[in-house]
Each structure stands twice: as C-alpha cells, then as structure tokens.
C-alpha cells in the first residue's frame, strides 16, 4: 500500500517562505516522477510542479521563479521550497506519485 505523507504547511505572511515535504512508503520511490498540486477554496485542483526520476523539474507559470521542487531518493522524500509567497498561494497542497495522493497540507498566506 502506497502512502504519501505531507508536512510543512502553515500560516505565513506575504513575502515569506515555507518548505513542504512529502515522504513516500510502500513503493519503489526513485524510479517515479513526483508532483505537487494545490487546491484553493472554491477552485479546482491545479498543477504546481513536478520532478522526474532523474531530477528534472517543471513548474506552473504561476510559481516559476518562486518555488523549487527537489527530491532526496535516499529519504523517499520530495520537497517544495516556496519563497516570496503571495495570498493567492493559499491552498491545500497535495503531493502525488503515480496515481496516489497524499492527504494534503494547508498553506495560508496572510498578514
């Protein structure tokens, strides 16, 4: 059974930073791409970033230059470093591997 557990969400002021992590278990980790998505209240879930098994990142235009996705295969963990956060980044953030999703972690950007 694949499990994905996200951590690192919270409340931060505009312009601040947070680092999310997602640790996988129950699967071989290093051969799969990993991704982050988010869902704001009243909106559809949207793509944020992905990273290939080889470490190549890709980003949504809305976060490019502010967010960095990375992975540590030894720890079965993918990270999302979020800088220069904006109120519109407020959402529940989910990590995904294959067809599996984590439970989500809330990120709130507010003064």
PDB file of N, CA and C in Angstrom:
ATOM      1  N   UNK A   1       0.844  -1.187   0.000  1.00  0.00           N
ATOM      2  CA  UNK A   1       0.000   0.000   0.000  1.00  0.00           C
ATOM      3  C   UNK A   1       0.883   1.243   0.000  1.00  0.00           C
ATOM      4  N   UNK A   2       0.708   2.061  -1.040  1.00  0.00           N
ATOM      5  CA  UNK A   2       1.487   3.291  -1.137  1.00  0.00           C
ATOM      6  C   UNK A   2       0.885   4.341  -0.208  1.00  0.00           C
ATOM      7  N   UNK A   3       1.741   4.985   0.553  1.00  0.00           N
ATOM      8  CA  UNK A   3       1.322   6.096   1.395  1.00  0.00           C
ATOM      9  C   UNK A   3       2.210   7.298   1.145  1.00  0.00           C
ATOM     10  N   UNK A   4       1.586   8.454   1.094  1.00  0.00           N
ATOM     11  CA  UNK A   4       2.289   9.720   0.925  1.00  0.00           C
ATOM     12  C   UNK A   4       1.895  10.621   2.083  1.00  0.00           C
ATOM     13  N   UNK A   5       2.860  11.123   2.803  1.00  0.00           N
ATOM     14  CA  UNK A   5       2.589  11.963   3.969  1.00  0.00           C
ATOM     15  C   UNK A   5       3.269  13.309   3.785  1.00  0.00           C
ATOM     16  N   UNK A   6       2.436  14.361   3.711  1.00  0.00           N
ATOM     17  CA  UNK A   6       2.961  15.723   3.548  1.00  0.00           C
ATOM     18  C   UNK A   6       3.119  16.384   4.910  1.00  0.00           C
ATOM     19  N   UNK A   7       4.100  17.264   4.987  1.00  0.00           N
ATOM     20  CA  UNK A   7       4.331  18.089   6.165  1.00  0.00           C
ATOM     21  C   UNK A   7       4.852  19.453   5.741  1.00  0.00           C
ATOM     22  N   UNK A   8       4.754  20.405   6.663  1.00  0.00           N
ATOM     23  CA  UNK A   8       5.398  21.691   6.444  1.00  0.00           C
ATOM     24  C   UNK A   8       4.475  22.854   6.177  1.00  0.00           C
ATOM     25  N   UNK A   9       3.188  22.595   6.072  1.00  0.00           N
ATOM     26  CA  UNK A   9       2.267  23.704   5.844  1.00  0.00           C
ATOM     27  C   UNK A   9       2.135  24.595   7.061  1.00  0.00           C
ATOM     28  N   UNK A  10       1.439  25.713   6.878  1.00  0.00           N
ATOM     29  CA  UNK A  10       1.228  26.613   7.995  1.00  0.00           C
ATOM     30  C   UNK A  10       0.786  27.978   7.540  1.00  0.00           C
ATOM     31  N   UNK A  11       0.848  28.918   8.472  1.00  0.00           N
ATOM     32  CA  UNK A  11       0.474  30.304   8.203  1.00  0.00           C
ATOM     33  C   UNK A  11       1.740  31.133   8.044  1.00  0.00           C
ATOM     34  N   UNK A  12       1.799  31.914   6.993  1.00  0.00           N
ATOM     35  CA  UNK A  12       2.973  32.741   6.724  1.00  0.00           C
ATOM     36  C   UNK A  12       2.515  34.079   6.149  1.00  0.00           C
ATOM     37  N   UNK A  13       3.282  35.115   6.424  1.00  0.00           N
ATOM     38  CA  UNK A  13       2.955  36.434   5.884  1.00  0.00           C
ATOM     39  C   UNK A  13       3.353  36.533   4.419  1.00  0.00           C
ATOM     40  N   UNK A  14       2.700  37.404   3.681  1.00  0.00           N
ATOM     41  CA  UNK A  14       3.123  37.620   2.286  1.00  0.00           C
ATOM     42  C   UNK A  14       4.607  37.959   2.211  1.00  0.00           C
ATOM     43  N   UNK A  15       5.261  37.364   1.237  1.00  0.00           N
ATOM     44  CA  UNK A  15       6.700  37.539   1.095  1.00  0.00           C
ATOM     45  C   UNK A  15       7.521  36.524   1.849  1.00  0.00           C
ATOM     46  N   UNK A  16       6.872  35.739   2.676  1.00  0.00           N
ATOM     47  CA  UNK A  16       7.565  34.738   3.474  1.00  0.00           C
ATOM     48  C   UNK A  16       7.821  33.448   2.716  1.00  0.00           C
ATOM     49  N   UNK A  17       8.377  32.478   3.444  1.00  0.00           N
ATOM     50  CA  UNK A  17       8.765  31.195   2.849  1.00  0.00           C
ATOM     51  C   UNK A  17       8.260  30.034   3.686  1.00  0.00           C
ATOM     52  N   UNK A  18       8.045  28.929   3.008  1.00  0.00           N
ATOM     53  CA  UNK A  18       7.734  27.658   3.653  1.00  0.00           C
ATOM     54  C   UNK A  18       8.376  26.551   2.831  1.00  0.00           C
ATOM     55  N   UNK A  19       8.685  25.437   3.501  1.00  0.00           N
ATOM     56  CA  UNK A  19       9.153  24.257   2.783  1.00  0.00           C
ATOM     57  C   UNK A  19       8.242  23.092   3.122  1.00  0.00           C
ATOM     58  N   UNK A  20       7.640  22.546   2.087  1.00  0.00           N
ATOM     59  CA  UNK A  20       6.808  21.365   2.237  1.00  0.00           C
ATOM     60  C   UNK A  20       7.640  20.122   1.957  1.00  0.00           C
ATOM     61  N   UNK A  21       7.282  19.029   2.623  1.00  0.00           N
ATOM     62  CA  UNK A  21       7.920  17.754   2.334  1.00  0.00           C
ATOM     63  C   UNK A  21       6.841  16.689   2.154  1.00  0.00           C
ATOM     64  N   UNK A  22       7.182  15.679   1.414  1.00  0.00           N
ATOM     65  CA  UNK A  22       6.266  14.557   1.183  1.00  0.00           C
ATOM     66  C   UNK A  22       7.107  13.289   1.170  1.00  0.00           C
ATOM     67  N   UNK A  23       6.823  12.404   2.099  1.00  0.00           N
ATOM     68  CA  UNK A  23       7.562  11.158   2.212  1.00  0.00           C
ATOM     69  C   UNK A  23       6.687   9.990   1.775  1.00  0.00           C
ATOM     70  N   UNK A  24       7.258   9.170   0.911  1.00  0.00           N
ATOM     71  CA  UNK A  24       6.530   8.032   0.356  1.00  0.00           C
ATOM     72  C   UNK A  24       6.965   6.739   1.018  1.00  0.00           C
ATOM     73  N   UNK A  25       6.020   5.825   1.118  1.00  0.00           N
ATOM     74  CA  UNK A  25       6.313   4.476   1.596  1.00  0.00           C
ATOM     75  C   UNK A  25       5.469   3.488   0.803  1.00  0.00           C
ATOM     76  N   UNK A  26       5.927   2.239   0.782  1.00  0.00           N
ATOM     77  CA  UNK A  26       5.155   1.196   0.112  1.00  0.00           C
ATOM     78  C   UNK A  26       5.396   1.083  -1.371  1.00  0.00           C
ATOM     79  N   UNK A  27       6.417   1.763  -1.876  1.00  0.00           N
ATOM     80  CA  UNK A  27       6.709   1.687  -3.295  1.00  0.00           C
ATOM     81  C   UNK A  27       8.177   1.989  -3.520  1.00  0.00           C
ATOM     82  N   UNK A  28       8.661   1.551  -4.685  1.00  0.00           N
ATOM     83  CA  UNK A  28       9.991   1.981  -5.086  1.00  0.00           C
ATOM     84  C   UNK A  28       9.887   3.453  -5.469  1.00  0.00           C
ATOM     85  N   UNK A  29      10.678   4.291  -4.839  1.00  0.00           N
ATOM     86  CA  UNK A  29      10.499   5.736  -4.983  1.00  0.00           C
ATOM     87  C   UNK A  29      11.276   6.311  -6.150  1.00  0.00           C
ATOM     88  N   UNK A  30      12.513   5.875  -6.311  1.00  0.00           N
ATOM     89  CA  UNK A  30      13.403   6.639  -7.178  1.00  0.00           C
ATOM     90  C   UNK A  30      13.186   6.440  -8.670  1.00  0.00           C
ATOM     91  N   UNK A  31      12.238   5.576  -9.068  1.00  0.00           N
ATOM     92  CA  UNK A  31      12.003   5.383 -10.490  1.00  0.00           C
ATOM     93  C   UNK A  31      10.803   6.176 -10.997  1.00  0.00           C
ATOM     94  N   UNK A  32      10.137   6.888 -10.093  1.00  0.00           N
ATOM     95  CA  UNK A  32       8.925   7.592 -10.471  1.00  0.00           C
ATOM     96  C   UNK A  32       9.072   9.103 -10.359  1.00  0.00           C
ATOM     97  N   UNK A  33       8.366   9.792 -11.240  1.00  0.00           N
ATOM     98  CA  UNK A  33       8.230  11.230 -11.087  1.00  0.00           C
ATOM     99  C   UNK A  33       7.323  11.514  -9.888  1.00  0.00           C
ATOM    100  N   UNK A  34       7.530  12.680  -9.313  1.00  0.00           N
ATOM    101  CA  UNK A  34       6.700  13.133  -8.194  1.00  0.00           C
ATOM    102  C   UNK A  34       6.144  14.509  -8.548  1.00  0.00           C
ATOM    103  N   UNK A  35       5.008  14.820  -7.947  1.00  0.00           N
ATOM    104  CA  UNK A  35       4.407  16.106  -8.261  1.00  0.00           C
ATOM    105  C   UNK A  35       3.746  16.762  -7.070  1.00  0.00           C
ATOM    106  N   UNK A  36       3.548  18.065  -7.193  1.00  0.00           N
ATOM    107  CA  UNK A  36       2.782  18.850  -6.226  1.00  0.00           C
ATOM    108  C   UNK A  36       1.627  19.529  -6.960  1.00  0.00           C
ATOM    109  N   UNK A  37       0.465  19.468  -6.360  1.00  0.00           N
ATOM    110  CA  UNK A  37      -0.723  20.165  -6.833  1.00  0.00           C
ATOM    111  C   UNK A  37      -1.291  20.947  -5.653  1.00  0.00           C
ATOM    112  N   UNK A  38      -2.211  21.860  -5.944  1.00  0.00           N
ATOM    113  CA  UNK A  38      -2.850  22.596  -4.868  1.00  0.00           C
ATOM    114  C   UNK A  38      -4.306  22.872  -5.213  1.00  0.00           C
ATOM    115  N   UNK A  39      -5.090  23.089  -4.176  1.00  0.00           N
ATOM    116  CA  UNK A  39      -6.499  23.391  -4.368  1.00  0.00           C
ATOM    117  C   UNK A  39      -6.907  24.474  -3.390  1.00  0.00           C
ATOM    118  N   UNK A  40      -7.299  25.603  -3.961  1.00  0.00           N
ATOM    119  CA  UNK A  40      -7.782  26.718  -3.152  1.00  0.00           C
ATOM    120  C   UNK A  40      -9.288  26.572  -2.937  1.00  0.00           C
ATOM    121  N   UNK A  41      -9.825  27.194  -1.909  1.00  0.00           N
ATOM    122  CA  UNK A  41     -11.274  27.091  -1.650  1.00  0.00           C
ATOM    123  C   UNK A  41     -12.085  27.525  -2.859  1.00  0.00           C
ATOM    124  N   UNK A  42     -13.025  26.685  -3.255  1.00  0.00           N
ATOM    125  CA  UNK A  42     -13.912  27.012  -4.360  1.00  0.00           C
ATOM    126  C   UNK A  42     -13.310  26.879  -5.734  1.00  0.00           C
ATOM    127  N   UNK A  43     -12.081  26.357  -5.798  1.00  0.00           N
ATOM    128  CA  UNK A  43     -11.408  26.228  -7.092  1.00  0.00           C
ATOM    129  C   UNK A  43     -11.031  24.781  -7.353  1.00  0.00           C
ATOM    130  N   UNK A  44     -10.729  24.494  -8.607  1.00  0.00           N
ATOM    131  CA  UNK A  44     -10.285  23.159  -8.965  1.00  0.00           C
ATOM    132  C   UNK A  44      -8.837  22.957  -8.553  1.00  0.00           C
ATOM    133  N   UNK A  45      -8.479  21.707  -8.356  1.00  0.00           N
ATOM    134  CA  UNK A  45      -7.089  21.381  -8.061  1.00  0.00           C
ATOM    135  C   UNK A  45      -6.232  21.756  -9.269  1.00  0.00           C
ATOM    136  N   UNK A  46      -5.091  22.381  -9.001  1.00  0.00           N
ATOM    137  CA  UNK A  46      -4.242  22.822 -10.103  1.00  0.00           C
ATOM    138  C   UNK A  46      -2.810  22.337  -9.920  1.00  0.00           C
ATOM    139  N   UNK A  47      -2.142  22.215 -11.029  1.00  0.00           N
ATOM    140  CA  UNK A  47      -0.754  21.753 -11.074  1.00  0.00           C
ATOM    141  C   UNK A  47       0.176  22.820 -10.526  1.00  0.00           C
ATOM    142  N   UNK A  48       1.177  22.393  -9.759  1.00  0.00           N
ATOM    143  CA  UNK A  48       2.177  23.310  -9.235  1.00  0.00           C
ATOM    144  C   UNK A  48       3.556  22.991  -9.814  1.00  0.00           C
ATOM    145  N   UNK A  49       4.008  21.755  -9.619  1.00  0.00           N
ATOM    146  CA  UNK A  49       5.354  21.393 -10.065  1.00  0.00           C
ATOM    147  C   UNK A  49       5.490  19.883 -10.108  1.00  0.00           C
ATOM    148  N   UNK A  50       6.408  19.418 -10.939  1.00  0.00           N
ATOM    149  CA  UNK A  50       6.778  18.008 -10.963  1.00  0.00           C
ATOM    150  C   UNK A  50       8.288  17.888 -11.053  1.00  0.00           C
ATOM    151  N   UNK A  51       8.773  16.719 -10.671  1.00  0.00           N
ATOM    152  CA  UNK A  51      10.190  16.417 -10.804  1.00  0.00           C
ATOM    153  C   UNK A  51      10.315  14.984 -11.287  1.00  0.00           C
ATOM    154  N   UNK A  52      11.113  14.777 -12.330  1.00  0.00           N
ATOM    155  CA  UNK A  52      11.273  13.444 -12.889  1.00  0.00           C
ATOM    156  C   UNK A  52      12.134  12.570 -11.977  1.00  0.00           C
ATOM    157  N   UNK A  53      12.201  11.301 -12.303  1.00  0.00           N
ATOM    158  CA  UNK A  53      13.042  10.400 -11.526  1.00  0.00           C
ATOM    159  C   UNK A  53      14.506  10.817 -11.598  1.00  0.00           C
ATOM    160  N   UNK A  54      14.870  11.458 -12.673  1.00  0.00           N
ATOM    161  CA  UNK A  54      16.243  11.926 -12.840  1.00  0.00           C
ATOM    162  C   UNK A  54      16.508  13.295 -12.243  1.00  0.00           C
ATOM    163  N   UNK A  55      15.461  13.925 -11.702  1.00  0.00           N
ATOM    164  CA  UNK A  55      15.654  15.200 -11.029  1.00  0.00           C
ATOM    165  C   UNK A  55      15.354  16.430 -11.872  1.00  0.00           C
ATOM    166  N   UNK A  56      14.754  16.263 -13.034  1.00  0.00           N
ATOM    167  CA  UNK A  56      14.409  17.409 -13.875  1.00  0.00           C
ATOM    168  C   UNK A  56      13.087  18.016 -13.405  1.00  0.00           C
ATOM    169  N   UNK A  57      13.098  19.314 -13.054  1.00  0.00           N
ATOM    170  CA  UNK A  57      11.874  19.947 -12.559  1.00  0.00           C
ATOM    171  C   UNK A  57      11.062  20.598 -13.673  1.00  0.00           C
ATOM    172  N   UNK A  58       9.797  20.797 -13.370  1.00  0.00           N
ATOM    173  CA  UNK A  58       8.930  21.565 -14.251  1.00  0.00           C
ATOM    174  C   UNK A  58       7.943  22.309 -13.352  1.00  0.00           C
ATOM    175  N   UNK A  59       7.564  23.531 -13.747  1.00  0.00           N
ATOM    176  CA  UNK A  59       6.745  24.378 -12.891  1.00  0.00           C
ATOM    177  C   UNK A  59       5.583  25.010 -13.641  1.00  0.00           C
ATOM    178  N   UNK A  60       4.521  25.251 -12.910  1.00  0.00           N
ATOM    179  CA  UNK A  60       3.458  26.087 -13.432  1.00  0.00           C
ATOM    180  C   UNK A  60       3.972  27.517 -13.547  1.00  0.00           C
ATOM    181  N   UNK A  61       3.462  28.245 -14.521  1.00  0.00           N
ATOM    182  CA  UNK A  61       3.919  29.622 -14.715  1.00  0.00           C
ATOM    183  C   UNK A  61       3.694  30.470 -13.469  1.00  0.00           C
ATOM    184  N   UNK A  62       2.642  30.171 -12.731  1.00  0.00           N
ATOM    185  CA  UNK A  62       2.282  30.992 -11.572  1.00  0.00           C
ATOM    186  C   UNK A  62       3.291  30.897 -10.433  1.00  0.00           C
ATOM    187  N   UNK A  63       4.127  29.857 -10.426  1.00  0.00           N
ATOM    188  CA  UNK A  63       5.083  29.683  -9.330  1.00  0.00           C
ATOM    189  C   UNK A  63       6.526  29.716  -9.809  1.00  0.00           C
ATOM    190  N   UNK A  64       6.729  29.768 -11.109  1.00  0.00           N
ATOM    191  CA  UNK A  64       8.085  29.733 -11.658  1.00  0.00           C
ATOM    192  C   UNK A  64       8.907  30.901 -11.121  1.00  0.00           C
ATOM    193  N   UNK A  65      10.100  30.580 -10.668  1.00  0.00           N
ATOM    194  CA  UNK A  65      10.971  31.611 -10.109  1.00  0.00           C
ATOM    195  C   UNK A  65      10.793  31.827  -8.618  1.00  0.00           C
ATOM    196  N   UNK A  66       9.734  31.279  -8.063  1.00  0.00           N
ATOM    197  CA  UNK A  66       9.473  31.432  -6.606  1.00  0.00           C
ATOM    198  C   UNK A  66       9.529  30.099  -5.872  1.00  0.00           C
ATOM    199  N   UNK A  67       9.105  29.037  -6.529  1.00  0.00           N
ATOM    200  CA  UNK A  67       9.068  27.712  -5.922  1.00  0.00           C
ATOM    201  C   UNK A  67      10.176  26.842  -6.516  1.00  0.00           C
ATOM    202  N   UNK A  68      10.700  25.937  -5.689  1.00  0.00           N
ATOM    203  CA  UNK A  68      11.700  24.978  -6.141  1.00  0.00           C
ATOM    204  C   UNK A  68      11.324  23.590  -5.654  1.00  0.00           C
ATOM    205  N   UNK A  69      11.218  22.659  -6.596  1.00  0.00           N
ATOM    206  CA  UNK A  69      10.943  21.275  -6.240  1.00  0.00           C
ATOM    207  C   UNK A  69      12.254  20.496  -6.267  1.00  0.00           C
ATOM    208  N   UNK A  70      12.416  19.597  -5.309  1.00  0.00           N
ATOM    209  CA  UNK A  70      13.617  18.778  -5.253  1.00  0.00           C
ATOM    210  C   UNK A  70      13.252  17.432  -4.636  1.00  0.00           C
ATOM    211  N   UNK A  71      14.184  16.488  -4.732  1.00  0.00           N
ATOM    212  CA  UNK A  71      13.914  15.173  -4.171  1.00  0.00           C
ATOM    213  C   UNK A  71      15.171  14.597  -3.557  1.00  0.00           C
ATOM    214  N   UNK A  72      14.967  13.780  -2.534  1.00  0.00           N
ATOM    215  CA  UNK A  72      16.043  13.045  -1.886  1.00  0.00           C
ATOM    216  C   UNK A  72      15.641  11.578  -1.942  1.00  0.00           C
ATOM    217  N   UNK A  73      16.200  10.860  -2.892  1.00  0.00           N
ATOM    218  CA  UNK A  73      15.797   9.470  -3.084  1.00  0.00           C
ATOM    219  C   UNK A  73      16.192   8.586  -1.910  1.00  0.00           C
ATOM    220  N   UNK A  74      17.253   8.947  -1.211  1.00  0.00           N
ATOM    221  CA  UNK A  74      17.672   8.159  -0.052  1.00  0.00           C
ATOM    222  C   UNK A  74      16.646   8.231   1.076  1.00  0.00           C
ATOM    223  N   UNK A  75      15.872   9.319   1.095  1.00  0.00           N
ATOM    224  CA  UNK A  75      14.857   9.512   2.128  1.00  0.00           C
ATOM    225  C   UNK A  75      13.434   9.321   1.604  1.00  0.00           C
ATOM    226  N   UNK A  76      13.306   8.925   0.334  1.00  0.00           N
ATOM    227  CA  UNK A  76      11.979   8.748  -0.283  1.00  0.00           C
ATOM    228  C   UNK A  76      11.121   9.998  -0.124  1.00  0.00           C
ATOM    229  N   UNK A  77      11.757  11.144  -0.277  1.00  0.00           N
ATOM    230  CA  UNK A  77      11.074  12.400   0.032  1.00  0.00           C
ATOM    231  C   UNK A  77      11.232  13.402  -1.103  1.00  0.00           C
ATOM    232  N   UNK A  78      10.155  14.107  -1.371  1.00  0.00           N
ATOM    233  CA  UNK A  78      10.167  15.219  -2.308  1.00  0.00           C
ATOM    234  C   UNK A  78       9.844  16.492  -1.522  1.00  0.00           C
ATOM    235  N   UNK A  79      10.467  17.584  -1.918  1.00  0.00           N
ATOM    236  CA  UNK A  79      10.310  18.861  -1.225  1.00  0.00           C
ATOM    237  C   UNK A  79       9.746  19.922  -2.173  1.00  0.00           C
ATOM    238  N   UNK A  80       9.099  20.899  -1.589  1.00  0.00           N
ATOM    239  CA  UNK A  80       8.681  22.081  -2.335  1.00  0.00           C
ATOM    240  C   UNK A  80       9.058  23.298  -1.502  1.00  0.00           C
ATOM    241  N   UNK A  81      10.113  23.975  -1.922  1.00  0.00           N
ATOM    242  CA  UNK A  81      10.539  25.216  -1.275  1.00  0.00           C
ATOM    243  C   UNK A  81       9.760  26.359  -1.894  1.00  0.00           C
ATOM    244  N   UNK A  82       9.026  27.080  -1.075  1.00  0.00           N
ATOM    245  CA  UNK A  82       8.167  28.146  -1.559  1.00  0.00           C
ATOM    246  C   UNK A  82       8.645  29.474  -0.984  1.00  0.00           C
ATOM    247  N   UNK A  83       9.091  30.357  -1.856  1.00  0.00           N
ATOM    248  CA  UNK A  83       9.574  31.678  -1.459  1.00  0.00           C
ATOM    249  C   UNK A  83       8.669  32.761  -2.038  1.00  0.00           C
ATOM    250  N   UNK A  84       8.808  33.964  -1.502  1.00  0.00           N
ATOM    251  CA  UNK A  84       8.027  35.110  -1.990  1.00  0.00           C
ATOM    252  C   UNK A  84       6.541  34.758  -2.089  1.00  0.00           C
ATOM    253  N   UNK A  85       6.024  34.172  -1.041  1.00  0.00           N
ATOM    254  CA  UNK A  85       4.640  33.704  -1.061  1.00  0.00           C
ATOM    255  C   UNK A  85       3.657  34.857  -1.157  1.00  0.00           C
ATOM    256  N   UNK A  86       2.573  34.590  -1.857  1.00  0.00           N
ATOM    257  CA  UNK A  86       1.518  35.568  -2.084  1.00  0.00           C
ATOM    258  C   UNK A  86       0.200  35.040  -1.511  1.00  0.00           C
ATOM    259  N   UNK A  87      -0.718  35.915  -1.211  1.00  0.00           N
ATOM    260  CA  UNK A  87      -2.022  35.441  -0.713  1.00  0.00           C
ATOM    261  C   UNK A  87      -2.695  34.446  -1.659  1.00  0.00           C
ATOM    262  N   UNK A  88      -2.470  34.605  -2.952  1.00  0.00           N
ATOM    263  CA  UNK A  88      -3.087  33.684  -3.916  1.00  0.00           C
ATOM    264  C   UNK A  88      -2.450  32.305  -3.921  1.00  0.00           C
ATOM    265  N   UNK A  89      -1.378  32.121  -3.167  1.00  0.00           N
ATOM    266  CA  UNK A  89      -0.790  30.792  -2.992  1.00  0.00           C
ATOM    267  C   UNK A  89      -1.515  29.997  -1.911  1.00  0.00           C
ATOM    268  N   UNK A  90      -2.425  30.636  -1.214  1.00  0.00           N
ATOM    269  CA  UNK A  90      -3.179  29.940  -0.170  1.00  0.00           C
ATOM    270  C   UNK A  90      -3.979  28.791  -0.769  1.00  0.00           C
ATOM    271  N   UNK A  91      -3.769  27.596  -0.216  1.00  0.00           N
ATOM    272  CA  UNK A  91      -4.419  26.394  -0.749  1.00  0.00           C
ATOM    273  C   UNK A  91      -4.016  25.202   0.106  1.00  0.00           C
ATOM    274  N   UNK A  92      -4.678  24.099  -0.136  1.00  0.00           N
ATOM    275  CA  UNK A  92      -4.206  22.810   0.368  1.00  0.00           C
ATOM    276  C   UNK A  92      -3.280  22.239  -0.698  1.00  0.00           C
ATOM    277  N   UNK A  93      -2.086  21.872  -0.271  1.00  0.00           N
ATOM    278  CA  UNK A  93      -1.078  21.349  -1.186  1.00  0.00           C
ATOM    279  C   UNK A  93      -0.998  19.835  -1.057  1.00  0.00           C
ATOM    280  N   UNK A  94      -1.018  19.165  -2.212  1.00  0.00           N
ATOM    281  CA  UNK A  94      -1.004  17.714  -2.259  1.00  0.00           C
ATOM    282  C   UNK A  94       0.214  17.236  -3.043  1.00  0.00           C
ATOM    283  N   UNK A  95       0.840  16.163  -2.579  1.00  0.00           N
ATOM    284  CA  UNK A  95       1.855  15.531  -3.404  1.00  0.00           C
ATOM    285  C   UNK A  95       1.248  14.290  -4.050  1.00  0.00           C
ATOM    286  N   UNK A  96       1.841  13.906  -5.158  1.00  0.00           N
ATOM    287  CA  UNK A  96       1.333  12.769  -5.913  1.00  0.00           C
ATOM    288  C   UNK A  96       2.474  11.943  -6.464  1.00  0.00           C
ATOM    289  N   UNK A  97       2.262  10.651  -6.493  1.00  0.00           N
ATOM    290  CA  UNK A  97       3.193   9.689  -7.060  1.00  0.00           C
ATOM    291  C   UNK A  97       2.349   8.625  -7.751  1.00  0.00           C
ATOM    292  N   UNK A  98       2.633   8.417  -9.020  1.00  0.00           N
ATOM    293  CA  UNK A  98       1.799   7.519  -9.835  1.00  0.00           C
ATOM    294  C   UNK A  98       0.340   7.979  -9.716  1.00  0.00           C
ATOM    295  N   UNK A  99      -0.550   7.136  -9.269  1.00  0.00           N
ATOM    296  CA  UNK A  99      -1.959   7.503  -9.137  1.00  0.00           C
ATOM    297  C   UNK A  99      -2.342   7.784  -7.688  1.00  0.00           C
ATOM    298  N   UNK A 100      -1.340   7.876  -6.825  1.00  0.00           N
ATOM    299  CA  UNK A 100      -1.602   8.051  -5.404  1.00  0.00           C
ATOM    300  C   UNK A 100      -1.434   9.518  -4.989  1.00  0.00           C
ATOM    301  N   UNK A 101      -2.228   9.905  -3.975  1.00  0.00           N
ATOM    302  CA  UNK A 101      -2.207  11.268  -3.467  1.00  0.00           C
ATOM    303  C   UNK A 101      -2.029  11.254  -1.949  1.00  0.00           C
ATOM    304  N   UNK A 102      -1.350  12.270  -1.454  1.00  0.00           N
ATOM    305  CA  UNK A 102      -1.277  12.459  -0.020  1.00  0.00           C
ATOM    306  C   UNK A 102      -2.560  13.076   0.511  1.00  0.00           C
ATOM    307  N   UNK A 103      -2.577  13.300   1.820  1.00  0.00           N
ATOM    308  CA  UNK A 103      -3.766  13.840   2.464  1.00  0.00           C
ATOM    309  C   UNK A 103      -3.846  15.358   2.359  1.00  0.00           C
ATOM    310  N   UNK A 104      -2.763  15.976   1.986  1.00  0.00           N
ATOM    311  CA  UNK A 104      -2.738  17.425   1.825  1.00  0.00           C
ATOM    312  C   UNK A 104      -2.247  18.143   3.059  1.00  0.00           C
ATOM    313  N   UNK A 105      -1.658  19.309   2.841  1.00  0.00           N
ATOM    314  CA  UNK A 105      -1.224  20.172   3.936  1.00  0.00           C
ATOM    315  C   UNK A 105      -1.636  21.609   3.599  1.00  0.00           C
ATOM    316  N   UNK A 106      -2.191  22.293   4.588  1.00  0.00           N
ATOM    317  CA  UNK A 106      -2.726  23.632   4.370  1.00  0.00           C
ATOM    318  C   UNK A 106      -1.616  24.671   4.400  1.00  0.00           C
ATOM    319  N   UNK A 107      -1.619  25.520   3.394  1.00  0.00           N
ATOM    320  CA  UNK A 107      -0.731  26.682   3.348  1.00  0.00           C
ATOM    321  C   UNK A 107      -1.612  27.928   3.291  1.00  0.00           C
ATOM    322  N   UNK A 108      -1.422  28.818   4.244  1.00  0.00           N
ATOM    323  CA  UNK A 108      -2.185  30.062   4.296  1.00  0.00           C
ATOM    324  C   UNK A 108      -1.228  31.230   4.299  1.00  0.00           C
ATOM    325  N   UNK A 109      -1.383  32.113   3.327  1.00  0.00           N
ATOM    326  CA  UNK A 109      -0.537  33.292   3.215  1.00  0.00           C
ATOM    327  C   UNK A 109      -1.413  34.507   3.514  1.00  0.00           C
ATOM    328  N   UNK A 110      -1.151  35.132   4.645  1.00  0.00           N
ATOM    329  CA  UNK A 110      -1.997  36.239   5.090  1.00  0.00           C
ATOM    330  C   UNK A 110      -1.243  37.097   6.085  1.00  0.00           C
ATOM    331  N   UNK A 111      -1.543  38.381   6.058  1.00  0.00           N
ATOM    332  CA  UNK A 111      -0.969  39.288   7.044  1.00  0.00           C
ATOM    333  C   UNK A 111      -1.897  39.443   8.239  1.00  0.00           C
TER     334      UNK A 111
END
